[in-house]
Amino acid sequence: MKSLLLRTGPDDYLLALVPGDRSLDWPKVRRALGVNRVTLPDAEEAFRATGYRRGTITPLGCSPTRRVLLDASVVGRRIGLGSGVAGRSALVYADALVRAYDAVVADISASP
């Protein structure tokens, strides 16, 4: 899974989780969130917002806790997420992640 930090407004961030072989579909993301604009912050802003460097960003232990938007294609499956440490991942059940983070589940990805 890719964990992408998204900004929907000043100091308003969330994590979008999409399968590694798919890409984020921006119109679907905006529709799922009910917003007109969503951006990817730069690497330093992402670090300040999550406490993690790019490539290690995860909702697990993110400080502060961020909202989660999960691609619907992984519901019911076990998924690998970044662990916060480069080269390491954590296996979790997507449904448990949805419950733990009250995640929004939506079709937010597309084939590259």
Protein backbone atom coordinates (compact mmCIF):
# COMPACT_ATOMS: atom_id res chain seq x y z
CA MET A 1 0.00 0.00 0.00
CA LYS A 2 1.04 3.55 -0.62
CA SER A 3 0.27 5.99 2.20
CA LEU A 4 -0.02 9.46 0.71
CA LEU A 5 -0.42 12.57 2.82
CA LEU A 6 -2.98 14.91 1.27
CA ARG A 7 -3.80 18.51 2.18
CA THR A 8 -7.37 19.74 1.83
CA GLY A 9 -6.80 23.12 3.47
CA PRO A 10 -4.44 25.03 5.73
CA ASP A 11 -3.32 22.56 8.41
CA ASP A 12 -5.96 20.04 7.24
CA TYR A 13 -4.34 16.75 6.29
CA LEU A 14 -5.37 13.15 5.79
CA LEU A 15 -3.77 9.92 4.64
CA ALA A 16 -4.94 8.25 1.44
CA LEU A 17 -4.08 4.55 1.20
CA VAL A 18 -3.98 2.95 -2.24
CA PRO A 19 -2.53 -0.34 -3.51
CA GLY A 20 1.07 -0.06 -4.67
CA ASP A 21 0.21 -1.08 -8.24
CA ARG A 22 -2.43 1.62 -8.62
CA SER A 23 -2.35 5.41 -8.70
CA LEU A 24 -4.43 7.99 -6.91
CA ASP A 25 -7.36 9.21 -9.01
CA TRP A 26 -7.64 12.89 -8.07
CA PRO A 27 -11.25 13.46 -9.25
CA LYS A 28 -12.38 10.40 -7.26
CA VAL A 29 -10.53 11.64 -4.17
CA ARG A 30 -12.12 15.09 -4.40
CA ARG A 31 -15.54 13.50 -4.86
CA ALA A 32 -15.05 11.12 -1.89
CA LEU A 33 -14.01 14.01 0.36
CA GLY A 34 -16.55 16.50 -0.97
CA VAL A 35 -13.86 19.11 -1.67
CA ASN A 36 -12.76 21.04 -4.74
CA ARG A 37 -9.02 21.03 -4.07
CA VAL A 38 -6.59 18.42 -2.76
CA THR A 39 -2.81 18.73 -2.94
CA LEU A 40 0.30 16.76 -2.03
CA PRO A 41 2.49 18.69 0.41
CA ASP A 42 6.25 18.74 -0.15
CA ALA A 43 8.54 16.39 1.77
CA GLU A 44 9.30 18.77 4.65
CA GLU A 45 5.65 19.69 5.16
CA ALA A 46 4.75 15.99 5.10
CA PHE A 47 7.35 15.31 7.81
CA ARG A 48 6.05 18.16 9.98
CA ALA A 49 2.46 16.91 9.55
CA THR A 50 3.13 13.23 10.31
CA GLY A 51 6.48 12.82 12.02
CA TYR A 52 7.49 10.46 9.18
CA ARG A 53 9.70 10.92 6.14
CA ARG A 54 8.31 10.17 2.68
CA GLY A 55 8.50 6.48 1.93
CA THR A 56 7.79 5.64 5.58
CA ILE A 57 4.50 7.53 6.13
CA THR A 58 1.84 5.42 7.84
CA PRO A 59 -1.31 6.04 9.84
CA LEU A 60 0.14 3.74 12.53
CA GLY A 61 1.56 5.98 15.23
CA CYS A 62 1.17 9.13 13.14
CA SER A 63 1.29 12.15 15.40
CA PRO A 64 -1.12 13.75 15.42
CA THR A 65 -3.55 11.04 14.31
CA ARG A 66 -4.77 11.82 10.80
CA ARG A 67 -7.99 10.93 9.04
CA VAL A 68 -7.70 7.95 6.69
CA LEU A 69 -9.17 7.51 3.22
CA LEU A 70 -8.86 3.88 2.11
CA ASP A 71 -9.25 2.55 -1.40
CA ALA A 72 -12.29 0.25 -1.52
CA SER A 73 -10.38 -2.44 -3.45
CA VAL A 74 -8.60 -3.64 -0.29
CA VAL A 75 -11.58 -4.06 2.03
CA GLY A 76 -11.63 -7.57 3.45
CA ARG A 77 -7.94 -8.15 2.74
CA ARG A 78 -4.71 -8.18 4.69
CA ILE A 79 -2.50 -5.33 3.51
CA GLY A 80 1.07 -4.19 3.99
CA LEU A 81 1.59 -0.63 5.17
CA GLY A 82 4.63 1.48 5.82
CA SER A 83 5.82 1.01 9.38
CA GLY A 84 7.48 4.37 9.87
CA VAL A 85 10.90 2.80 9.25
CA ALA A 86 12.48 2.66 5.78
CA GLY A 87 12.50 -0.85 4.34
CA ARG A 88 10.03 -2.23 6.89
CA SER A 89 6.31 -2.78 6.59
CA ALA A 90 3.45 -3.78 8.86
CA LEU A 91 0.76 -6.29 7.90
CA VAL A 92 -2.73 -5.34 9.01
CA TYR A 93 -6.27 -6.23 8.09
CA ALA A 94 -7.90 -3.43 6.12
CA ASP A 95 -11.17 -3.87 8.01
CA ALA A 96 -9.36 -3.41 11.35
CA LEU A 97 -7.75 -0.25 10.00
CA VAL A 98 -11.17 1.06 8.97
CA ARG A 99 -12.52 0.47 12.49
CA ALA A 100 -9.47 1.82 14.31
CA TYR A 101 -9.31 5.06 12.30
CA ASP A 102 -12.98 5.43 11.36
CA ALA A 103 -11.63 5.47 7.82
CA VAL A 104 -13.61 6.62 4.81
CA VAL A 105 -13.73 3.80 2.26
CA ALA A 106 -14.14 4.81 -1.38
CA ASP A 107 -12.99 4.00 -4.90
CA ILE A 108 -10.04 6.44 -5.09
CA SER A 109 -7.56 4.67 -7.35
CA ALA A 110 -6.99 3.86 -11.01
CA SER A 111 -4.73 1.58 -13.00
CA PRO A 112 -1.59 3.46 -14.04
